[in-house]
C-alpha atoms as a PDB file:
ATOM      1  CA  MET A   1     -11.280 -93.339 -24.854  1.00  0.00           C
ATOM      2  CA  GLU A   2     -12.766 -90.376 -27.001  1.00  0.00           C
ATOM      3  CA  GLY A   3     -15.340 -88.761 -23.973  1.00  0.00           C
ATOM      4  CA  ILE A   4     -12.123 -88.771 -21.615  1.00  0.00           C
ATOM      5  CA  TRP A   5     -10.356 -86.896 -23.971  1.00  0.00           C
ATOM      6  CA  HIS A   6     -13.051 -84.636 -24.982  1.00  0.00           C
ATOM      7  CA  GLY A   7     -13.197 -83.564 -21.201  1.00  0.00           C
ATOM      8  CA  ARG A   8      -9.773 -83.277 -20.500  1.00  0.00           C
ATOM      9  CA  GLY A   9      -9.585 -80.819 -23.359  1.00  0.00           C
ATOM     10  CA  HIS A  10     -12.412 -78.990 -21.869  1.00  0.00           C
ATOM     11  CA  VAL A  11     -10.918 -78.763 -18.206  1.00  0.00           C
ATOM     12  CA  LYS A  12      -7.863 -77.307 -20.736  1.00  0.00           C
ATOM     13  CA  ARG A  13      -9.628 -74.984 -22.467  1.00  0.00           C
ATOM     14  CA  ARG A  14     -11.850 -74.262 -18.961  1.00  0.00           C
ATOM     15  CA  GLY A  15      -8.409 -73.541 -17.491  1.00  0.00           C
ATOM     16  CA  THR A  16      -6.826 -71.624 -20.232  1.00  0.00           C
ATOM     17  CA  LEU A  17      -9.762 -69.218 -19.864  1.00  0.00           C
ATOM     18  CA  MET A  18      -9.203 -68.880 -15.980  1.00  0.00           C
ATOM     19  CA  ARG A  19      -5.594 -68.002 -16.715  1.00  0.00           C
ATOM     20  CA  GLY A  20      -6.388 -65.697 -19.323  1.00  0.00           C
ATOM     21  CA  LYS A  21      -9.116 -63.948 -17.206  1.00  0.00           C
ATOM     22  CA  VAL A  22      -6.140 -63.450 -14.204  1.00  0.00           C
ATOM     23  CA  SER A  23      -3.780 -61.913 -16.306  1.00  0.00           C
ATOM     24  CA  VAL A  24      -6.400 -59.336 -17.505  1.00  0.00           C
ATOM     25  CA  LEU A  25      -6.918 -58.849 -13.693  1.00  0.00           C
ATOM     26  CA  CYS A  26      -3.415 -58.255 -13.345  1.00  0.00           C
ATOM     27  CA  VAL A  27      -2.594 -55.908 -15.989  1.00  0.00           C
ATOM     28  CA  ALA A  28      -5.709 -54.062 -15.028  1.00  0.00           C
ATOM     29  CA  ALA A  29      -4.550 -53.603 -11.416  1.00  0.00           C
ATOM     30  CA  VAL A  30      -1.030 -52.459 -12.637  1.00  0.00           C
ATOM     31  CA  LEU A  31      -2.907 -49.680 -14.835  1.00  0.00           C
ATOM     32  CA  ALA A  32      -5.488 -49.056 -12.211  1.00  0.00           C
ATOM     33  CA  PHE A  33      -1.977 -48.257  -9.539  1.00  0.00           C
ATOM     34  CA  TYR A  34       0.020 -46.194 -12.896  1.00  0.00           C
ATOM     35  CA  GLY A  35      -3.111 -44.306 -13.301  1.00  0.00           C
ATOM     36  CA  CYS A  36      -2.798 -43.526  -9.472  1.00  0.00           C
ATOM     37  CA  ALA A  37       0.200 -42.672  -9.323  1.00  0.00           C
ATOM     38  CA  ARG A  38      -0.224 -39.962 -12.126  1.00  0.00           C
ATOM     39  CA  SER A  39      -2.697 -38.706 -11.023  1.00  0.00           C
ATOM     40  CA  PRO A  40      -2.923 -34.535 -11.462  1.00  0.00           C
ATOM     41  CA  GLN A  41      -2.151 -34.118  -8.075  1.00  0.00           C
ATOM     42  CA  ALA A  42       1.041 -36.385  -8.575  1.00  0.00           C
ATOM     43  CA  LYS A  43       2.130 -34.869 -11.210  1.00  0.00           C
ATOM     44  CA  GLU A  44       2.673 -31.720  -9.856  1.00  0.00           C
ATOM     45  CA  ALA A  45       4.254 -32.834  -6.779  1.00  0.00           C
ATOM     46  CA  LYS A  46       6.814 -34.698  -8.884  1.00  0.00           C
ATOM     47  CA  TYR A  47       6.976 -31.360 -11.083  1.00  0.00           C
ATOM     48  CA  LEU A  48       7.147 -28.752  -7.911  1.00  0.00           C
ATOM     49  CA  GLU A  49       9.962 -30.986  -6.213  1.00  0.00           C
ATOM     50  CA  LYS A  50      11.992 -30.797  -9.438  1.00  0.00           C
ATOM     51  CA  GLY A  51      11.387 -26.701 -10.054  1.00  0.00           C
ATOM     52  CA  LYS A  52      12.238 -26.498  -6.357  1.00  0.00           C
ATOM     53  CA  LYS A  53      15.986 -28.567  -6.611  1.00  0.00           C
ATOM     54  CA  ALA A  54      16.519 -26.298  -9.494  1.00  0.00           C
ATOM     55  CA  LEU A  55      16.019 -22.800  -8.134  1.00  0.00           C
ATOM     56  CA  GLU A  56      18.211 -23.971  -5.689  1.00  0.00           C
ATOM     57  CA  GLN A  57      20.648 -24.603  -8.155  1.00  0.00           C
ATOM     58  CA  ARG A  58      20.242 -21.172  -9.597  1.00  0.00           C
ATOM     59  CA  ASN A  59      19.182 -23.324 -12.472  1.00  0.00           C
ATOM     60  CA  TYR A  60      16.160 -20.631 -13.356  1.00  0.00           C
ATOM     61  CA  SER A  61      15.378 -21.066 -16.833  1.00  0.00           C
ATOM     62  CA  VAL A  62      14.381 -25.079 -15.730  1.00  0.00           C
ATOM     63  CA  ALA A  63      12.799 -24.243 -12.646  1.00  0.00           C
ATOM     64  CA  ILE A  64      10.264 -22.069 -14.179  1.00  0.00           C
ATOM     65  CA  LEU A  65       9.648 -24.727 -16.920  1.00  0.00           C
ATOM     66  CA  GLN A  66       8.890 -27.445 -13.770  1.00  0.00           C
ATOM     67  CA  PHE A  67       6.895 -24.853 -12.118  1.00  0.00           C
ATOM     68  CA  LYS A  68       5.116 -24.478 -15.644  1.00  0.00           C
ATOM     69  CA  ASN A  69       3.998 -27.747 -15.658  1.00  0.00           C
ATOM     70  CA  ALA A  70       2.897 -27.955 -12.357  1.00  0.00           C
ATOM     71  CA  ALA A  71       0.419 -25.052 -12.852  1.00  0.00           C
ATOM     72  CA  GLN A  72      -0.799 -27.194 -16.133  1.00  0.00           C
ATOM     73  CA  ALA A  73      -1.372 -30.565 -14.338  1.00  0.00           C
ATOM     74  CA  GLN A  74      -3.127 -28.164 -11.290  1.00  0.00           C
ATOM     75  CA  PRO A  75      -4.327 -25.168 -12.897  1.00  0.00           C
ATOM     76  CA  GLN A  76      -6.207 -24.250  -9.567  1.00  0.00           C
ATOM     77  CA  ASP A  77      -3.457 -24.472  -7.199  1.00  0.00           C
ATOM     78  CA  ALA A  78      -1.853 -21.197  -6.456  1.00  0.00           C
ATOM     79  CA  GLU A  79       1.319 -23.184  -4.949  1.00  0.00           C
ATOM     80  CA  ALA A  80       2.430 -23.826  -8.272  1.00  0.00           C
ATOM     81  CA  TYR A  81       1.881 -20.127  -9.337  1.00  0.00           C
ATOM     82  CA  TYR A  82       3.461 -19.067  -6.034  1.00  0.00           C
ATOM     83  CA  GLN A  83       7.053 -21.123  -6.447  1.00  0.00           C
ATOM     84  CA  LEU A  84       6.343 -19.755 -10.494  1.00  0.00           C
ATOM     85  CA  GLY A  85       6.787 -16.360  -9.119  1.00  0.00           C
ATOM     86  CA  LEU A  86       9.557 -17.075  -7.146  1.00  0.00           C
ATOM     87  CA  ALA A  87      11.565 -18.345  -9.697  1.00  0.00           C
ATOM     88  CA  TYR A  88      10.740 -15.659 -12.117  1.00  0.00           C
ATOM     89  CA  LEU A  89      11.558 -13.092  -8.908  1.00  0.00           C
ATOM     90  CA  ALA A  90      15.066 -15.203  -8.734  1.00  0.00           C
ATOM     91  CA  ALA A  91      15.779 -15.060 -12.600  1.00  0.00           C
ATOM     92  CA  ASN A  92      15.279 -10.399 -12.114  1.00  0.00           C
ATOM     93  CA  ASP A  93      12.343 -10.751 -14.285  1.00  0.00           C
ATOM     94  CA  TYR A  94       9.819  -8.673 -11.898  1.00  0.00           C
ATOM     95  CA  ASN A  95       6.864  -7.767 -13.836  1.00  0.00           C
ATOM     96  CA  THR A  96       6.164 -11.346 -14.871  1.00  0.00           C
ATOM     97  CA  ALA A  97       7.159 -12.609 -11.040  1.00  0.00           C
ATOM     98  CA  ALA A  98       4.167 -10.732 -10.087  1.00  0.00           C
ATOM     99  CA  SER A  99       1.569 -11.587 -12.441  1.00  0.00           C
ATOM    100  CA  ALA A 100       2.535 -14.943 -11.068  1.00  0.00           C
ATOM    101  CA  PHE A 101       2.375 -14.073  -7.435  1.00  0.00           C
ATOM    102  CA  LEU A 102      -1.082 -12.217  -8.503  1.00  0.00           C
ATOM    103  CA  LYS A 103      -2.710 -15.634 -10.493  1.00  0.00           C
ATOM    104  CA  ALA A 104      -1.941 -16.982  -6.879  1.00  0.00           C
ATOM    105  CA  THR A 105      -3.702 -14.699  -4.473  1.00  0.00           C
ATOM    106  CA  GLU A 106      -6.325 -14.737  -7.071  1.00  0.00           C
ATOM    107  CA  LEU A 107      -6.759 -18.803  -6.737  1.00  0.00           C
ATOM    108  CA  ASN A 108      -5.981 -18.961  -3.308  1.00  0.00           C
ATOM    109  CA  PRO A 109      -6.586 -14.763  -1.194  1.00  0.00           C
ATOM    110  CA  LYS A 110      -5.424 -16.880   2.015  1.00  0.00           C
ATOM    111  CA  HIS A 111      -1.851 -17.563   0.573  1.00  0.00           C
ATOM    112  CA  ALA A 112      -0.181 -15.230   2.719  1.00  0.00           C
ATOM    113  CA  ALA A 113       3.734 -15.945   1.227  1.00  0.00           C
ATOM    114  CA  ALA A 114       2.145 -14.777  -2.107  1.00  0.00           C
ATOM    115  CA  GLN A 115      -0.044 -12.146  -1.069  1.00  0.00           C
ATOM    116  CA  LEU A 116       2.992 -10.848   0.676  1.00  0.00           C
ATOM    117  CA  LYS A 117       5.487 -11.067  -2.627  1.00  0.00           C
ATOM    118  CA  VAL A 118       2.536  -8.977  -4.135  1.00  0.00           C
ATOM    119  CA  ALA A 119       2.196  -6.484  -1.817  1.00  0.00           C
ATOM    120  CA  THR A 120       6.006  -5.882  -1.649  1.00  0.00           C
ATOM    121  CA  LEU A 121       6.810  -6.123  -5.244  1.00  0.00           C
ATOM    122  CA  MET A 122       3.764  -3.455  -4.907  1.00  0.00           C
ATOM    123  CA  ALA A 123       5.146  -1.189  -2.550  1.00  0.00           C
ATOM    124  CA  THR A 124       8.141  -0.051  -4.943  1.00  0.00           C
ATOM    125  CA  SER A 125       6.011   2.037  -7.381  1.00  0.00           C
ATOM    126  CA  ARG A 126       5.075   5.502  -7.558  1.00  0.00           C
ATOM    127  CA  ASN A 127       1.357   5.311  -7.722  1.00  0.00           C
ATOM    128  CA  LYS A 128       0.193   6.050  -4.619  1.00  0.00           C
ATOM    129  CA  GLN A 129      -3.288   3.992  -5.321  1.00  0.00           C
ATOM    130  CA  ILE A 130      -0.404   0.715  -5.735  1.00  0.00           C
ATOM    131  CA  VAL A 131       1.193   1.679  -3.064  1.00  0.00           C
ATOM    132  CA  GLU A 132      -2.472   1.947  -0.557  1.00  0.00           C
ATOM    133  CA  GLU A 133      -3.210  -1.338  -2.305  1.00  0.00           C
ATOM    134  CA  ALA A 134       0.174  -2.914  -1.041  1.00  0.00           C
ATOM    135  CA  GLN A 135      -0.392  -1.753   2.486  1.00  0.00           C
ATOM    136  CA  LYS A 136      -4.305  -3.505   2.530  1.00  0.00           C
ATOM    137  CA  ARG A 137      -2.530  -6.594   1.603  1.00  0.00           C
ATOM    138  CA  THR A 138       0.678  -6.370   3.916  1.00  0.00           C
ATOM    139  CA  GLU A 139      -2.588  -5.908   7.031  1.00  0.00           C
ATOM    140  CA  GLU A 140      -4.887  -8.854   5.449  1.00  0.00           C
ATOM    141  CA  VAL A 141      -1.343 -11.066   6.067  1.00  0.00           C
ATOM    142  CA  LEU A 142      -1.160 -10.027   9.131  1.00  0.00           C
ATOM    143  CA  ASN A 143      -4.615 -10.917  10.087  1.00  0.00           C
ATOM    144  CA  LEU A 144      -3.330 -14.022   9.323  1.00  0.00           C
ATOM    145  CA  LEU A 145       0.074 -14.175  10.544  1.00  0.00           C
ATOM    146  CA  PRO A 146       0.446 -11.723  13.643  1.00  0.00           C
ATOM    147  CA  GLU A 147       4.216 -12.215  13.906  1.00  0.00           C
ATOM    148  CA  ASP A 148       5.069 -12.378  10.424  1.00  0.00           C
ATOM    149  CA  VAL A 149       8.246  -9.755  10.861  1.00  0.00           C
ATOM    150  CA  ASP A 150       8.632  -9.671   6.956  1.00  0.00           C
ATOM    151  CA  ALA A 151       4.951  -8.469   6.819  1.00  0.00           C
ATOM    152  CA  LEU A 152       5.834  -6.042   9.262  1.00  0.00           C
ATOM    153  CA  ASN A 153       8.885  -5.097   7.351  1.00  0.00           C
ATOM    154  CA  VAL A 154       6.943  -4.356   4.190  1.00  0.00           C
ATOM    155  CA  LEU A 155       3.711  -2.666   5.811  1.00  0.00           C
ATOM    156  CA  ALA A 156       6.257   0.042   7.243  1.00  0.00           C
ATOM    157  CA  ILE A 157       7.682   0.751   3.762  1.00  0.00           C
ATOM    158  CA  THR A 158       3.888   1.274   2.467  1.00  0.00           C
ATOM    159  CA  GLU A 159       3.742   3.462   5.526  1.00  0.00           C
ATOM    160  CA  LEU A 160       6.945   5.514   4.663  1.00  0.00           C
ATOM    161  CA  ARG A 161       5.680   5.804   0.655  1.00  0.00           C
ATOM    162  CA  LEU A 162       2.673   7.432   2.175  1.00  0.00           C
ATOM    163  CA  GLY A 163       4.010   9.264   4.333  1.00  0.00           C
ATOM    164  CA  LYS A 164       3.433   7.849   7.655  1.00  0.00           C
ATOM    165  CA  PRO A 165       6.991   7.995   9.385  1.00  0.00           C
ATOM    166  CA  GLU A 166       5.559   7.513  13.400  1.00  0.00           C
ATOM    167  CA  ASP A 167       3.350   4.674  11.714  1.00  0.00           C
ATOM    168  CA  ALA A 168       6.416   3.009  10.092  1.00  0.00           C
ATOM    169  CA  GLU A 169       8.700   3.559  13.247  1.00  0.00           C
ATOM    170  CA  THR A 170       6.363   1.507  15.652  1.00  0.00           C
ATOM    171  CA  HIS A 171       5.774  -1.587  13.242  1.00  0.00           C
ATOM    172  CA  LEU A 172       9.645  -1.606  12.904  1.00  0.00           C
ATOM    173  CA  GLU A 173      10.258  -0.880  16.068  1.00  0.00           C
ATOM    174  CA  GLU A 174       7.294  -4.043  16.574  1.00  0.00           C
ATOM    175  CA  ALA A 175       9.504  -5.521  14.162  1.00  0.00           C
ATOM    176  CA  LEU A 176      12.536  -5.554  16.346  1.00  0.00           C
ATOM    177  CA  LYS A 177      11.023  -7.512  19.240  1.00  0.00           C
ATOM    178  CA  ARG A 178      10.083 -10.509  17.613  1.00  0.00           C
ATOM    179  CA  PRO A 179      12.489 -12.985  16.337  1.00  0.00           C
ATOM    180  CA  PRO A 180      14.055 -13.244  14.230  1.00  0.00           C
ATOM    181  CA  SER A 181      14.809  -9.879  14.169  1.00  0.00           C
ATOM    182  CA  SER A 182      16.311  -8.731  11.215  1.00  0.00           C
ATOM    183  CA  LEU A 183      19.667  -6.103   9.937  1.00  0.00           C
ATOM    184  CA  LYS A 184      16.249  -5.196   7.280  1.00  0.00           C
ATOM    185  CA  SER A 185      14.422  -3.867  10.378  1.00  0.00           C
ATOM    186  CA  SER A 186      17.269  -1.946  11.952  1.00  0.00           C
ATOM    187  CA  VAL A 187      18.262  -0.339   9.095  1.00  0.00           C
ATOM    188  CA  ALA A 188      14.622   1.235   7.911  1.00  0.00           C
ATOM    189  CA  LEU A 189      14.321   2.295  11.335  1.00  0.00           C
ATOM    190  CA  ALA A 190      17.363   3.867  11.739  1.00  0.00           C
ATOM    191  CA  GLN A 191      16.597   5.427   7.889  1.00  0.00           C
ATOM    192  CA  THR A 192      12.891   6.348   9.259  1.00  0.00           C
ATOM    193  CA  ARG A 193      14.324   8.112  12.341  1.00  0.00           C
ATOM    194  CA  LEU A 194      17.145   9.586  10.240  1.00  0.00           C
ATOM    195  CA  ALA A 195      14.635  11.456   8.083  1.00  0.00           C
ATOM    196  CA  ARG A 196      12.616  12.861  11.481  1.00  0.00           C
ATOM    197  CA  LYS A 197      16.052  14.450  12.014  1.00  0.00           C
ATOM    198  CA  ASP A 198      16.580  12.097  14.755  1.00  0.00           C
ATOM    199  CA  VAL A 199      20.475  10.976  14.470  1.00  0.00           C
ATOM    200  CA  PRO A 200      20.493   9.330  18.065  1.00  0.00           C
ATOM    201  CA  GLY A 201      17.422   6.867  17.409  1.00  0.00           C
ATOM    202  CA  ALA A 202      19.125   5.900  14.180  1.00  0.00           C
ATOM    203  CA  GLU A 203      22.479   5.250  15.637  1.00  0.00           C
ATOM    204  CA  GLU A 204      20.611   3.131  18.280  1.00  0.00           C
ATOM    205  CA  ALA A 205      18.111   1.641  15.571  1.00  0.00           C
ATOM    206  CA  LEU A 206      22.101   0.684  14.356  1.00  0.00           C
ATOM    207  CA  LYS A 207      23.046  -0.695  17.183  1.00  0.00           C
END
C-alpha cells in the first residue's frame, strides 16, 4: 500500500514539474514575442506614426517629441531626422530644421526629399558658395528623380541667384511641361522673364 501511494506521489510530483516546465516555456514565448514587438524598428515605426498624426493636426511640439523618440530608437535611420526637420520647418524653426535635414542627408545621401529640403533652405542664403552647394544638391536629386518638378523649381531658384536667368527659364519651362505643373513654376517663370524685360513672355507664363 505504501508503495502504491509512493508511486502516486512520484507521478504527481512529475506532473507538477511538467506543468511548471510548460508554464516557464509559455512565459518565455510571451516575453520573446513582446521583445520582438518592442524592437528598435517597431519603436521607431510607432513614434513615426504618432509624430505624423501630430504634424497633421499642427501639434508641432508633440510631433517634434515623437520624431526625436523615433531618432533615438533608430539613430542611423535618415527618415526619423527628415520627419523631425519637417516638424521644425512647420514650426518656423528654420535653423533647427536645416540641421535635422542635414543629419538625414549625412545618414543617407540618396534621401532625395531631405536633400531637396536642404537645397531649398540653402538657396535663400546670400552666400554664393552656399547657393552653389544648393545647386549641386538639387542636381543630384534630379539625377535620382529626373521628373521631379520641385527639384526643377529649386534648381531654377539657385540659377537665378547665381545670375543665370536663361538656365533658370529653361528649367522652369521644363517644369511646366511635366505633371503636375504648379503655380509656383508659372510665377517663377514670369519673374524670370520680367527680369529680362520680357513683359509679353511673363504674361504668357501666368496664363
